């Protein structure tokens, strides 16, 4: 149990670090808060909440992995290198696709609540 709690503490530290140092992570967290508030306001169904929570987790996880890739690439390749750029760009593309998917799901979920 101690190992598990220590792992959770390390993960929480990584999350706090990403929020504290990455502007895009702060933007994603702000959207999570806003979408959750809207979900409460509109009284989303359990299935709608499930869809929203899944894509929120997907976007946050993608941004955390993007941050990790950027840190590792910066550590091992402080000088410009085409492979370093490709790694960073690919990780950023993963976040873009996750965010675009979240927007699509958000439109599907919230659309009926917003349109008469």
PDB file of N, CA and C in Angstrom:
ATOM      1  N   UNK A   1       0.820  -1.194   0.000  1.00  0.00           N
ATOM      2  CA  UNK A   1       0.000   0.000   0.000  1.00  0.00           C
ATOM      3  C   UNK A   1       0.867   1.262   0.000  1.00  0.00           C
ATOM      4  N   UNK A   2       1.979   1.217   0.701  1.00  0.00           N
ATOM      5  CA  UNK A   2       2.883   2.368   0.756  1.00  0.00           C
ATOM      6  C   UNK A   2       3.432   2.672  -0.640  1.00  0.00           C
ATOM      7  N   UNK A   3       3.792   1.618  -1.385  1.00  0.00           N
ATOM      8  CA  UNK A   3       4.313   1.819  -2.743  1.00  0.00           C
ATOM      9  C   UNK A   3       3.261   2.471  -3.631  1.00  0.00           C
ATOM     10  N   UNK A   4       2.023   2.020  -3.497  1.00  0.00           N
ATOM     11  CA  UNK A   4       0.941   2.594  -4.292  1.00  0.00           C
ATOM     12  C   UNK A   4       0.761   4.072  -3.955  1.00  0.00           C
ATOM     13  N   UNK A   5       0.712   4.404  -2.678  1.00  0.00           N
ATOM     14  CA  UNK A   5       0.534   5.792  -2.265  1.00  0.00           C
ATOM     15  C   UNK A   5       1.702   6.661  -2.731  1.00  0.00           C
ATOM     16  N   UNK A   6       2.898   6.105  -2.686  1.00  0.00           N
ATOM     17  CA  UNK A   6       4.069   6.833  -3.170  1.00  0.00           C
ATOM     18  C   UNK A   6       3.933   7.080  -4.681  1.00  0.00           C
ATOM     19  N   UNK A   7       3.463   6.084  -5.413  1.00  0.00           N
ATOM     20  CA  UNK A   7       3.262   6.243  -6.858  1.00  0.00           C
ATOM     21  C   UNK A   7       2.231   7.318  -7.155  1.00  0.00           C
ATOM     22  N   UNK A   8       1.161   7.330  -6.370  1.00  0.00           N
ATOM     23  CA  UNK A   8       0.130   8.356  -6.549  1.00  0.00           C
ATOM     24  C   UNK A   8       0.720   9.732  -6.266  1.00  0.00           C
ATOM     25  N   UNK A   9       1.546   9.842  -5.235  1.00  0.00           N
ATOM     26  CA  UNK A   9       2.180  11.116  -4.901  1.00  0.00           C
ATOM     27  C   UNK A   9       3.094  11.583  -6.034  1.00  0.00           C
ATOM     28  N   UNK A  10       3.854  10.669  -6.634  1.00  0.00           N
ATOM     29  CA  UNK A  10       4.714  11.024  -7.769  1.00  0.00           C
ATOM     30  C   UNK A  10       3.867  11.498  -8.951  1.00  0.00           C
ATOM     31  N   UNK A  11       2.782  10.793  -9.224  1.00  0.00           N
ATOM     32  CA  UNK A  11       1.904  11.172 -10.333  1.00  0.00           C
ATOM     33  C   UNK A  11       1.285  12.543 -10.084  1.00  0.00           C
ATOM     34  N   UNK A  12       0.823  12.787  -8.879  1.00  0.00           N
ATOM     35  CA  UNK A  12       0.235  14.078  -8.529  1.00  0.00           C
ATOM     36  C   UNK A  12       1.268  15.191  -8.677  1.00  0.00           C
ATOM     37  N   UNK A  13       2.510  14.903  -8.294  1.00  0.00           N
ATOM     38  CA  UNK A  13       3.592  15.868  -8.453  1.00  0.00           C
ATOM     39  C   UNK A  13       3.806  16.197  -9.930  1.00  0.00           C
ATOM     40  N   UNK A  14       3.753  15.185 -10.783  1.00  0.00           N
ATOM     41  CA  UNK A  14       3.895  15.410 -12.218  1.00  0.00           C
ATOM     42  C   UNK A  14       2.762  16.249 -12.773  1.00  0.00           C
ATOM     43  N   UNK A  15       1.541  15.984 -12.317  1.00  0.00           N
ATOM     44  CA  UNK A  15       0.381  16.765 -12.759  1.00  0.00           C
ATOM     45  C   UNK A  15       0.534  18.223 -12.332  1.00  0.00           C
ATOM     46  N   UNK A  16       0.892  18.442 -11.064  1.00  0.00           N
ATOM     47  CA  UNK A  16       1.073  19.809 -10.558  1.00  0.00           C
ATOM     48  C   UNK A  16       2.167  20.531 -11.341  1.00  0.00           C
ATOM     49  N   UNK A  17       3.250  19.814 -11.642  1.00  0.00           N
ATOM     50  CA  UNK A  17       4.343  20.405 -12.409  1.00  0.00           C
ATOM     51  C   UNK A  17       3.865  20.829 -13.792  1.00  0.00           C
ATOM     52  N   UNK A  18       3.103  19.960 -14.456  1.00  0.00           N
ATOM     53  CA  UNK A  18       2.599  20.284 -15.795  1.00  0.00           C
ATOM     54  C   UNK A  18       1.662  21.490 -15.747  1.00  0.00           C
ATOM     55  N   UNK A  19       0.781  21.520 -14.770  1.00  0.00           N
ATOM     56  CA  UNK A  19      -0.140  22.658 -14.643  1.00  0.00           C
ATOM     57  C   UNK A  19       0.644  23.937 -14.346  1.00  0.00           C
ATOM     58  N   UNK A  20       1.668  23.812 -13.538  1.00  0.00           N
ATOM     59  CA  UNK A  20       2.443  24.989 -13.149  1.00  0.00           C
ATOM     60  C   UNK A  20       3.365  25.521 -14.228  1.00  0.00           C
ATOM     61  N   UNK A  21       3.760  24.673 -15.176  1.00  0.00           N
ATOM     62  CA  UNK A  21       4.754  25.106 -16.157  1.00  0.00           C
ATOM     63  C   UNK A  21       4.251  25.150 -17.596  1.00  0.00           C
ATOM     64  N   UNK A  22       3.120  24.528 -17.873  1.00  0.00           N
ATOM     65  CA  UNK A  22       2.649  24.414 -19.255  1.00  0.00           C
ATOM     66  C   UNK A  22       1.350  25.192 -19.454  1.00  0.00           C
ATOM     67  N   UNK A  23       1.419  26.239 -20.259  1.00  0.00           N
ATOM     68  CA  UNK A  23       0.234  27.070 -20.508  1.00  0.00           C
ATOM     69  C   UNK A  23      -0.901  26.254 -21.123  1.00  0.00           C
ATOM     70  N   UNK A  24      -0.574  25.359 -22.044  1.00  0.00           N
ATOM     71  CA  UNK A  24      -1.637  24.565 -22.673  1.00  0.00           C
ATOM     72  C   UNK A  24      -2.324  23.651 -21.668  1.00  0.00           C
ATOM     73  N   UNK A  25      -1.580  23.151 -20.697  1.00  0.00           N
ATOM     74  CA  UNK A  25      -2.191  22.305 -19.674  1.00  0.00           C
ATOM     75  C   UNK A  25      -3.177  23.122 -18.848  1.00  0.00           C
ATOM     76  N   UNK A  26      -2.825  24.344 -18.527  1.00  0.00           N
ATOM     77  CA  UNK A  26      -3.743  25.208 -17.779  1.00  0.00           C
ATOM     78  C   UNK A  26      -5.005  25.490 -18.595  1.00  0.00           C
ATOM     79  N   UNK A  27      -4.845  25.655 -19.902  1.00  0.00           N
ATOM     80  CA  UNK A  27      -6.008  25.872 -20.768  1.00  0.00           C
ATOM     81  C   UNK A  27      -6.903  24.637 -20.750  1.00  0.00           C
ATOM     82  N   UNK A  28      -6.310  23.453 -20.869  1.00  0.00           N
ATOM     83  CA  UNK A  28      -7.100  22.220 -20.852  1.00  0.00           C
ATOM     84  C   UNK A  28      -7.845  22.066 -19.526  1.00  0.00           C
ATOM     85  N   UNK A  29      -7.169  22.345 -18.417  1.00  0.00           N
ATOM     86  CA  UNK A  29      -7.809  22.226 -17.103  1.00  0.00           C
ATOM     87  C   UNK A  29      -8.956  23.236 -16.987  1.00  0.00           C
ATOM     88  N   UNK A  30      -8.758  24.437 -17.510  1.00  0.00           N
ATOM     89  CA  UNK A  30      -9.828  25.442 -17.478  1.00  0.00           C
ATOM     90  C   UNK A  30     -11.041  24.962 -18.275  1.00  0.00           C
ATOM     91  N   UNK A  31     -10.796  24.343 -19.427  1.00  0.00           N
ATOM     92  CA  UNK A  31     -11.906  23.806 -20.215  1.00  0.00           C
ATOM     93  C   UNK A  31     -12.604  22.667 -19.480  1.00  0.00           C
ATOM     94  N   UNK A  32     -11.840  21.828 -18.797  1.00  0.00           N
ATOM     95  CA  UNK A  32     -12.456  20.750 -18.016  1.00  0.00           C
ATOM     96  C   UNK A  32     -13.404  21.333 -16.972  1.00  0.00           C
ATOM     97  N   UNK A  33     -12.953  22.343 -16.264  1.00  0.00           N
ATOM     98  CA  UNK A  33     -13.793  22.974 -15.236  1.00  0.00           C
ATOM     99  C   UNK A  33     -15.046  23.582 -15.873  1.00  0.00           C
ATOM    100  N   UNK A  34     -14.873  24.301 -16.984  1.00  0.00           N
ATOM    101  CA  UNK A  34     -16.013  24.946 -17.645  1.00  0.00           C
ATOM    102  C   UNK A  34     -17.011  23.918 -18.184  1.00  0.00           C
ATOM    103  N   UNK A  35     -16.501  22.864 -18.817  1.00  0.00           N
ATOM    104  CA  UNK A  35     -17.397  21.842 -19.375  1.00  0.00           C
ATOM    105  C   UNK A  35     -18.132  21.105 -18.255  1.00  0.00           C
ATOM    106  N   UNK A  36     -17.431  20.818 -17.166  1.00  0.00           N
ATOM    107  CA  UNK A  36     -18.096  20.150 -16.042  1.00  0.00           C
ATOM    108  C   UNK A  36     -19.172  21.038 -15.428  1.00  0.00           C
ATOM    109  N   UNK A  37     -18.908  22.332 -15.338  1.00  0.00           N
ATOM    110  CA  UNK A  37     -19.929  23.253 -14.831  1.00  0.00           C
ATOM    111  C   UNK A  37     -21.134  23.274 -15.769  1.00  0.00           C
ATOM    112  N   UNK A  38     -20.876  23.301 -17.072  1.00  0.00           N
ATOM    113  CA  UNK A  38     -21.975  23.270 -18.042  1.00  0.00           C
ATOM    114  C   UNK A  38     -22.740  21.955 -17.939  1.00  0.00           C
ATOM    115  N   UNK A  39     -22.017  20.865 -17.739  1.00  0.00           N
ATOM    116  CA  UNK A  39     -22.673  19.567 -17.582  1.00  0.00           C
ATOM    117  C   UNK A  39     -23.604  19.536 -16.390  1.00  0.00           C
ATOM    118  N   UNK A  40     -23.179  20.126 -15.295  1.00  0.00           N
ATOM    119  CA  UNK A  40     -24.041  20.205 -14.111  1.00  0.00           C
ATOM    120  C   UNK A  40     -25.249  21.097 -14.385  1.00  0.00           C
ATOM    121  N   UNK A  41     -25.012  22.197 -15.071  1.00  0.00           N
ATOM    122  CA  UNK A  41     -26.091  23.134 -15.391  1.00  0.00           C
ATOM    123  C   UNK A  41     -27.155  22.485 -16.277  1.00  0.00           C
ATOM    124  N   UNK A  42     -26.708  21.718 -17.262  1.00  0.00           N
ATOM    125  CA  UNK A  42     -27.647  21.096 -18.197  1.00  0.00           C
ATOM    126  C   UNK A  42     -28.171  19.744 -17.728  1.00  0.00           C
ATOM    127  N   UNK A  43     -27.668  19.245 -16.614  1.00  0.00           N
ATOM    128  CA  UNK A  43     -28.141  17.969 -16.094  1.00  0.00           C
ATOM    129  C   UNK A  43     -27.873  16.809 -17.050  1.00  0.00           C
ATOM    130  N   UNK A  44     -26.622  16.635 -17.419  1.00  0.00           N
ATOM    131  CA  UNK A  44     -26.266  15.566 -18.351  1.00  0.00           C
ATOM    132  C   UNK A  44     -26.655  14.197 -17.804  1.00  0.00           C
ATOM    133  N   UNK A  45     -26.980  13.293 -18.709  1.00  0.00           N
ATOM    134  CA  UNK A  45     -27.287  11.912 -18.329  1.00  0.00           C
ATOM    135  C   UNK A  45     -25.990  11.178 -17.982  1.00  0.00           C
ATOM    136  N   UNK A  46     -26.120  10.011 -17.410  1.00  0.00           N
ATOM    137  CA  UNK A  46     -24.935   9.215 -17.058  1.00  0.00           C
ATOM    138  C   UNK A  46     -24.099   8.904 -18.288  1.00  0.00           C
ATOM    139  N   UNK A  47     -24.722   8.569 -19.394  1.00  0.00           N
ATOM    140  CA  UNK A  47     -23.983   8.256 -20.620  1.00  0.00           C
ATOM    141  C   UNK A  47     -23.290   9.498 -21.185  1.00  0.00           C
ATOM    142  N   UNK A  48     -23.940  10.641 -21.083  1.00  0.00           N
ATOM    143  CA  UNK A  48     -23.320  11.884 -21.542  1.00  0.00           C
ATOM    144  C   UNK A  48     -22.103  12.216 -20.681  1.00  0.00           C
ATOM    145  N   UNK A  49     -22.245  12.046 -19.363  1.00  0.00           N
ATOM    146  CA  UNK A  49     -21.111  12.270 -18.467  1.00  0.00           C
ATOM    147  C   UNK A  49     -19.966  11.315 -18.791  1.00  0.00           C
ATOM    148  N   UNK A  50     -20.307  10.069 -19.071  1.00  0.00           N
ATOM    149  CA  UNK A  50     -19.267   9.086 -19.392  1.00  0.00           C
ATOM    150  C   UNK A  50     -18.470   9.537 -20.612  1.00  0.00           C
ATOM    151  N   UNK A  51     -19.160   9.984 -21.646  1.00  0.00           N
ATOM    152  CA  UNK A  51     -18.478  10.445 -22.859  1.00  0.00           C
ATOM    153  C   UNK A  51     -17.595  11.651 -22.556  1.00  0.00           C
ATOM    154  N   UNK A  52     -18.127  12.598 -21.797  1.00  0.00           N
ATOM    155  CA  UNK A  52     -17.375  13.812 -21.458  1.00  0.00           C
ATOM    156  C   UNK A  52     -16.141  13.471 -20.624  1.00  0.00           C
ATOM    157  N   UNK A  53     -16.310  12.631 -19.625  1.00  0.00           N
ATOM    158  CA  UNK A  53     -15.189  12.266 -18.746  1.00  0.00           C
ATOM    159  C   UNK A  53     -14.115  11.514 -19.520  1.00  0.00           C
ATOM    160  N   UNK A  54     -14.518  10.632 -20.416  1.00  0.00           N
ATOM    161  CA  UNK A  54     -13.534   9.878 -21.209  1.00  0.00           C
ATOM    162  C   UNK A  54     -12.693  10.813 -22.070  1.00  0.00           C
ATOM    163  N   UNK A  55     -13.345  11.742 -22.780  1.00  0.00           N
ATOM    164  CA  UNK A  55     -12.546  12.616 -23.646  1.00  0.00           C
ATOM    165  C   UNK A  55     -11.731  13.629 -22.839  1.00  0.00           C
ATOM    166  N   UNK A  56     -12.234  14.039 -21.675  1.00  0.00           N
ATOM    167  CA  UNK A  56     -11.427  14.926 -20.826  1.00  0.00           C
ATOM    168  C   UNK A  56     -10.161  14.206 -20.370  1.00  0.00           C
ATOM    169  N   UNK A  57     -10.329  12.978 -19.930  1.00  0.00           N
ATOM    170  CA  UNK A  57      -9.164  12.195 -19.517  1.00  0.00           C
ATOM    171  C   UNK A  57      -8.197  11.978 -20.656  1.00  0.00           C
ATOM    172  N   UNK A  58      -8.729  11.747 -21.850  1.00  0.00           N
ATOM    173  CA  UNK A  58      -7.891  11.533 -23.025  1.00  0.00           C
ATOM    174  C   UNK A  58      -7.066  12.792 -23.340  1.00  0.00           C
ATOM    175  N   UNK A  59      -7.683  13.945 -23.286  1.00  0.00           N
ATOM    176  CA  UNK A  59      -6.970  15.190 -23.587  1.00  0.00           C
ATOM    177  C   UNK A  59      -5.908  15.478 -22.526  1.00  0.00           C
ATOM    178  N   UNK A  60      -6.275  15.343 -21.255  1.00  0.00           N
ATOM    179  CA  UNK A  60      -5.305  15.611 -20.190  1.00  0.00           C
ATOM    180  C   UNK A  60      -4.141  14.627 -20.245  1.00  0.00           C
ATOM    181  N   UNK A  61      -4.440  13.353 -20.496  1.00  0.00           N
ATOM    182  CA  UNK A  61      -3.374  12.353 -20.602  1.00  0.00           C
ATOM    183  C   UNK A  61      -2.468  12.651 -21.793  1.00  0.00           C
ATOM    184  N   UNK A  62      -3.055  13.038 -22.924  1.00  0.00           N
ATOM    185  CA  UNK A  62      -2.246  13.359 -24.096  1.00  0.00           C
ATOM    186  C   UNK A  62      -1.344  14.558 -23.821  1.00  0.00           C
ATOM    187  N   UNK A  63      -1.876  15.568 -23.135  1.00  0.00           N
ATOM    188  CA  UNK A  63      -1.057  16.745 -22.820  1.00  0.00           C
ATOM    189  C   UNK A  63       0.063  16.392 -21.846  1.00  0.00           C
ATOM    190  N   UNK A  64      -0.226  15.543 -20.879  1.00  0.00           N
ATOM    191  CA  UNK A  64       0.822  15.107 -19.952  1.00  0.00           C
ATOM    192  C   UNK A  64       1.905  14.321 -20.680  1.00  0.00           C
ATOM    193  N   UNK A  65       1.521  13.440 -21.588  1.00  0.00           N
ATOM    194  CA  UNK A  65       2.512  12.685 -22.361  1.00  0.00           C
ATOM    195  C   UNK A  65       3.302  13.613 -23.284  1.00  0.00           C
ATOM    196  N   UNK A  66       2.632  14.592 -23.866  1.00  0.00           N
ATOM    197  CA  UNK A  66       3.332  15.566 -24.700  1.00  0.00           C
ATOM    198  C   UNK A  66       4.385  16.313 -23.887  1.00  0.00           C
ATOM    199  N   UNK A  67       4.023  16.712 -22.690  1.00  0.00           N
ATOM    200  CA  UNK A  67       4.968  17.410 -21.811  1.00  0.00           C
ATOM    201  C   UNK A  67       6.152  16.511 -21.470  1.00  0.00           C
ATOM    202  N   UNK A  68       5.877  15.239 -21.175  1.00  0.00           N
ATOM    203  CA  UNK A  68       6.954  14.303 -20.859  1.00  0.00           C
ATOM    204  C   UNK A  68       7.886  14.131 -22.054  1.00  0.00           C
ATOM    205  N   UNK A  69       7.317  13.984 -23.245  1.00  0.00           N
ATOM    206  CA  UNK A  69       8.147  13.839 -24.449  1.00  0.00           C
ATOM    207  C   UNK A  69       9.007  15.084 -24.646  1.00  0.00           C
ATOM    208  N   UNK A  70       8.420  16.258 -24.490  1.00  0.00           N
ATOM    209  CA  UNK A  70       9.188  17.495 -24.647  1.00  0.00           C
ATOM    210  C   UNK A  70      10.342  17.572 -23.654  1.00  0.00           C
ATOM    211  N   UNK A  71      10.084  17.207 -22.402  1.00  0.00           N
ATOM    212  CA  UNK A  71      11.148  17.243 -21.390  1.00  0.00           C
ATOM    213  C   UNK A  71      12.275  16.276 -21.743  1.00  0.00           C
ATOM    214  N   UNK A  72      11.928  15.071 -22.124  1.00  0.00           N
ATOM    215  CA  UNK A  72      12.956  14.078 -22.447  1.00  0.00           C
ATOM    216  C   UNK A  72      13.748  14.504 -23.677  1.00  0.00           C
ATOM    217  N   UNK A  73      13.057  14.982 -24.697  1.00  0.00           N
ATOM    218  CA  UNK A  73      13.756  15.422 -25.910  1.00  0.00           C
ATOM    219  C   UNK A  73      14.688  16.578 -25.587  1.00  0.00           C
ATOM    220  N   UNK A  74      14.234  17.536 -24.794  1.00  0.00           N
ATOM    221  CA  UNK A  74      15.092  18.665 -24.420  1.00  0.00           C
ATOM    222  C   UNK A  74      16.312  18.201 -23.632  1.00  0.00           C
ATOM    223  N   UNK A  75      16.131  17.167 -22.820  1.00  0.00           N
ATOM    224  CA  UNK A  75      17.237  16.648 -22.016  1.00  0.00           C
ATOM    225  C   UNK A  75      18.284  15.955 -22.890  1.00  0.00           C
ATOM    226  N   UNK A  76      17.845  15.102 -23.788  1.00  0.00           N
ATOM    227  CA  UNK A  76      18.792  14.287 -24.569  1.00  0.00           C
ATOM    228  C   UNK A  76      19.269  14.977 -25.836  1.00  0.00           C
ATOM    229  N   UNK A  77      18.559  16.010 -26.278  1.00  0.00           N
ATOM    230  CA  UNK A  77      18.944  16.697 -27.513  1.00  0.00           C
ATOM    231  C   UNK A  77      18.784  18.204 -27.349  1.00  0.00           C
ATOM    232  N   UNK A  78      19.674  18.825 -26.551  1.00  0.00           N
ATOM    233  CA  UNK A  78      19.532  20.273 -26.334  1.00  0.00           C
ATOM    234  C   UNK A  78      19.743  21.090 -27.616  1.00  0.00           C
ATOM    235  N   UNK A  79      20.485  20.549 -28.571  1.00  0.00           N
ATOM    236  CA  UNK A  79      20.660  21.234 -29.845  1.00  0.00           C
ATOM    237  C   UNK A  79      19.542  20.816 -30.805  1.00  0.00           C
ATOM    238  N   UNK A  80      19.300  21.647 -31.801  1.00  0.00           N
ATOM    239  CA  UNK A  80      18.238  21.343 -32.758  1.00  0.00           C
ATOM    240  C   UNK A  80      18.614  20.105 -33.569  1.00  0.00           C
ATOM    241  N   UNK A  81      17.635  19.231 -33.729  1.00  0.00           N
ATOM    242  CA  UNK A  81      17.837  18.007 -34.514  1.00  0.00           C
ATOM    243  C   UNK A  81      16.497  17.651 -35.159  1.00  0.00           C
ATOM    244  N   UNK A  82      16.507  17.200 -36.409  1.00  0.00           N
ATOM    245  CA  UNK A  82      15.245  16.884 -37.078  1.00  0.00           C
ATOM    246  C   UNK A  82      14.426  15.810 -36.364  1.00  0.00           C
ATOM    247  N   UNK A  83      15.083  14.829 -35.761  1.00  0.00           N
ATOM    248  CA  UNK A  83      14.337  13.793 -35.048  1.00  0.00           C
ATOM    249  C   UNK A  83      13.735  14.330 -33.754  1.00  0.00           C
ATOM    250  N   UNK A  84      14.437  15.242 -33.098  1.00  0.00           N
ATOM    251  CA  UNK A  84      13.890  15.865 -31.888  1.00  0.00           C
ATOM    252  C   UNK A  84      12.639  16.663 -32.247  1.00  0.00           C
ATOM    253  N   UNK A  85      12.711  17.410 -33.339  1.00  0.00           N
ATOM    254  CA  UNK A  85      11.538  18.177 -33.794  1.00  0.00           C
ATOM    255  C   UNK A  85      10.393  17.244 -34.153  1.00  0.00           C
ATOM    256  N   UNK A  86      10.701  16.163 -34.850  1.00  0.00           N
ATOM    257  CA  UNK A  86       9.648  15.213 -35.238  1.00  0.00           C
ATOM    258  C   UNK A  86       8.975  14.609 -34.014  1.00  0.00           C
ATOM    259  N   UNK A  87       9.763  14.269 -32.988  1.00  0.00           N
ATOM    260  CA  UNK A  87       9.187  13.689 -31.772  1.00  0.00           C
ATOM    261  C   UNK A  87       8.259  14.689 -31.092  1.00  0.00           C
ATOM    262  N   UNK A  88       8.713  15.930 -30.965  1.00  0.00           N
ATOM    263  CA  UNK A  88       7.885  16.948 -30.316  1.00  0.00           C
ATOM    264  C   UNK A  88       6.630  17.242 -31.130  1.00  0.00           C
ATOM    265  N   UNK A  89       6.788  17.362 -32.435  1.00  0.00           N
ATOM    266  CA  UNK A  89       5.629  17.658 -33.296  1.00  0.00           C
ATOM    267  C   UNK A  89       4.616  16.526 -33.268  1.00  0.00           C
ATOM    268  N   UNK A  90       5.091  15.293 -33.245  1.00  0.00           N
ATOM    269  CA  UNK A  90       4.185  14.146 -33.215  1.00  0.00           C
ATOM    270  C   UNK A  90       3.419  14.094 -31.900  1.00  0.00           C
ATOM    271  N   UNK A  91       4.099  14.357 -30.796  1.00  0.00           N
ATOM    272  CA  UNK A  91       3.419  14.383 -29.496  1.00  0.00           C
ATOM    273  C   UNK A  91       2.390  15.508 -29.451  1.00  0.00           C
ATOM    274  N   UNK A  92       2.731  16.651 -30.033  1.00  0.00           N
ATOM    275  CA  UNK A  92       1.780  17.759 -30.083  1.00  0.00           C
ATOM    276  C   UNK A  92       0.574  17.401 -30.955  1.00  0.00           C
ATOM    277  N   UNK A  93       0.812  16.661 -32.032  1.00  0.00           N
ATOM    278  CA  UNK A  93      -0.297  16.239 -32.892  1.00  0.00           C
ATOM    279  C   UNK A  93      -1.246  15.322 -32.138  1.00  0.00           C
ATOM    280  N   UNK A  94      -0.716  14.493 -31.251  1.00  0.00           N
ATOM    281  CA  UNK A  94      -1.577  13.619 -30.447  1.00  0.00           C
ATOM    282  C   UNK A  94      -2.526  14.454 -29.590  1.00  0.00           C
ATOM    283  N   UNK A  95      -2.016  15.531 -29.024  1.00  0.00           N
ATOM    284  CA  UNK A  95      -2.866  16.418 -28.219  1.00  0.00           C
ATOM    285  C   UNK A  95      -3.915  17.080 -29.105  1.00  0.00           C
ATOM    286  N   UNK A  96      -3.500  17.528 -30.292  1.00  0.00           N
ATOM    287  CA  UNK A  96      -4.435  18.160 -31.212  1.00  0.00           C
ATOM    288  C   UNK A  96      -5.582  17.221 -31.577  1.00  0.00           C
ATOM    289  N   UNK A  97      -5.255  15.963 -31.900  1.00  0.00           N
ATOM    290  CA  UNK A  97      -6.297  15.005 -32.264  1.00  0.00           C
ATOM    291  C   UNK A  97      -7.201  14.685 -31.078  1.00  0.00           C
ATOM    292  N   UNK A  98      -6.621  14.568 -29.889  1.00  0.00           N
ATOM    293  CA  UNK A  98      -7.431  14.314 -28.702  1.00  0.00           C
ATOM    294  C   UNK A  98      -8.374  15.489 -28.430  1.00  0.00           C
ATOM    295  N   UNK A  99      -7.853  16.705 -28.553  1.00  0.00           N
ATOM    296  CA  UNK A  99      -8.676  17.889 -28.305  1.00  0.00           C
ATOM    297  C   UNK A  99      -9.781  18.025 -29.355  1.00  0.00           C
ATOM    298  N   UNK A 100      -9.452  17.744 -30.612  1.00  0.00           N
ATOM    299  CA  UNK A 100     -10.465  17.816 -31.666  1.00  0.00           C
ATOM    300  C   UNK A 100     -11.569  16.783 -31.427  1.00  0.00           C
ATOM    301  N   UNK A 101     -11.181  15.603 -30.984  1.00  0.00           N
ATOM    302  CA  UNK A 101     -12.165  14.577 -30.658  1.00  0.00           C
ATOM    303  C   UNK A 101     -13.044  15.031 -29.502  1.00  0.00           C
ATOM    304  N   UNK A 102     -12.430  15.656 -28.495  1.00  0.00           N
ATOM    305  CA  UNK A 102     -13.201  16.152 -27.350  1.00  0.00           C
ATOM    306  C   UNK A 102     -14.195  17.223 -27.783  1.00  0.00           C
ATOM    307  N   UNK A 103     -13.785  18.084 -28.689  1.00  0.00           N
ATOM    308  CA  UNK A 103     -14.702  19.113 -29.190  1.00  0.00           C
ATOM    309  C   UNK A 103     -15.876  18.456 -29.913  1.00  0.00           C
ATOM    310  N   UNK A 104     -15.582  17.464 -30.740  1.00  0.00           N
ATOM    311  CA  UNK A 104     -16.655  16.769 -31.468  1.00  0.00           C
ATOM    312  C   UNK A 104     -17.633  16.106 -30.502  1.00  0.00           C
ATOM    313  N   UNK A 105     -17.098  15.429 -29.499  1.00  0.00           N
ATOM    314  CA  UNK A 105     -17.965  14.787 -28.502  1.00  0.00           C
ATOM    315  C   UNK A 105     -18.760  15.854 -27.746  1.00  0.00           C
ATOM    316  N   UNK A 106     -18.110  16.957 -27.405  1.00  0.00           N
ATOM    317  CA  UNK A 106     -18.816  18.048 -26.721  1.00  0.00           C
ATOM    318  C   UNK A 106     -19.967  18.588 -27.539  1.00  0.00           C
ATOM    319  N   UNK A 107     -19.769  18.735 -28.837  1.00  0.00           N
ATOM    320  CA  UNK A 107     -20.855  19.212 -29.700  1.00  0.00           C
ATOM    321  C   UNK A 107     -21.996  18.201 -29.751  1.00  0.00           C
ATOM    322  N   UNK A 108     -21.653  16.932 -29.817  1.00  0.00           N
ATOM    323  CA  UNK A 108     -22.685  15.890 -29.851  1.00  0.00           C
ATOM    324  C   UNK A 108     -23.468  15.858 -28.543  1.00  0.00           C
ATOM    325  N   UNK A 109     -22.753  15.981 -27.426  1.00  0.00           N
ATOM    326  CA  UNK A 109     -23.407  15.901 -26.112  1.00  0.00           C
ATOM    327  C   UNK A 109     -24.197  17.165 -25.804  1.00  0.00           C
ATOM    328  N   UNK A 110     -23.582  18.332 -26.008  1.00  0.00           N
ATOM    329  CA  UNK A 110     -24.234  19.579 -25.599  1.00  0.00           C
ATOM    330  C   UNK A 110     -25.180  20.140 -26.656  1.00  0.00           C
ATOM    331  N   UNK A 111     -25.002  19.749 -27.913  1.00  0.00           N
ATOM    332  CA  UNK A 111     -25.857  20.252 -28.982  1.00  0.00           C
ATOM    333  C   UNK A 111     -27.338  20.148 -28.683  1.00  0.00           C
ATOM    334  N   UNK A 112     -27.831  18.957 -28.345  1.00  0.00           N
ATOM    335  CA  UNK A 112     -29.266  18.836 -28.053  1.00  0.00           C
ATOM    336  C   UNK A 112     -29.735  19.669 -26.858  1.00  0.00           C
ATOM    337  N   UNK A 113     -28.833  19.957 -25.923  1.00  0.00           N
ATOM    338  CA  UNK A 113     -29.201  20.776 -24.766  1.00  0.00           C
ATOM    339  C   UNK A 113     -29.254  22.262 -25.119  1.00  0.00           C
ATOM    340  N   UNK A 114     -28.524  22.638 -26.166  1.00  0.00           N
ATOM    341  CA  UNK A 114     -28.450  24.043 -26.540  1.00  0.00           C
ATOM    342  C   UNK A 114     -29.422  24.431 -27.642  1.00  0.00           C
ATOM    343  N   UNK A 115     -29.746  23.476 -28.513  1.00  0.00           N
ATOM    344  CA  UNK A 115     -30.649  23.755 -29.630  1.00  0.00           C
ATOM    345  C   UNK A 115     -32.069  23.319 -29.284  1.00  0.00           C
ATOM    346  N   UNK A 116     -33.045  24.150 -29.655  1.00  0.00           N
ATOM    347  CA  UNK A 116     -34.446  23.786 -29.330  1.00  0.00           C
ATOM    348  C   UNK A 116     -34.928  22.594 -30.147  1.00  0.00           C
TER     349      UNK A 116
END
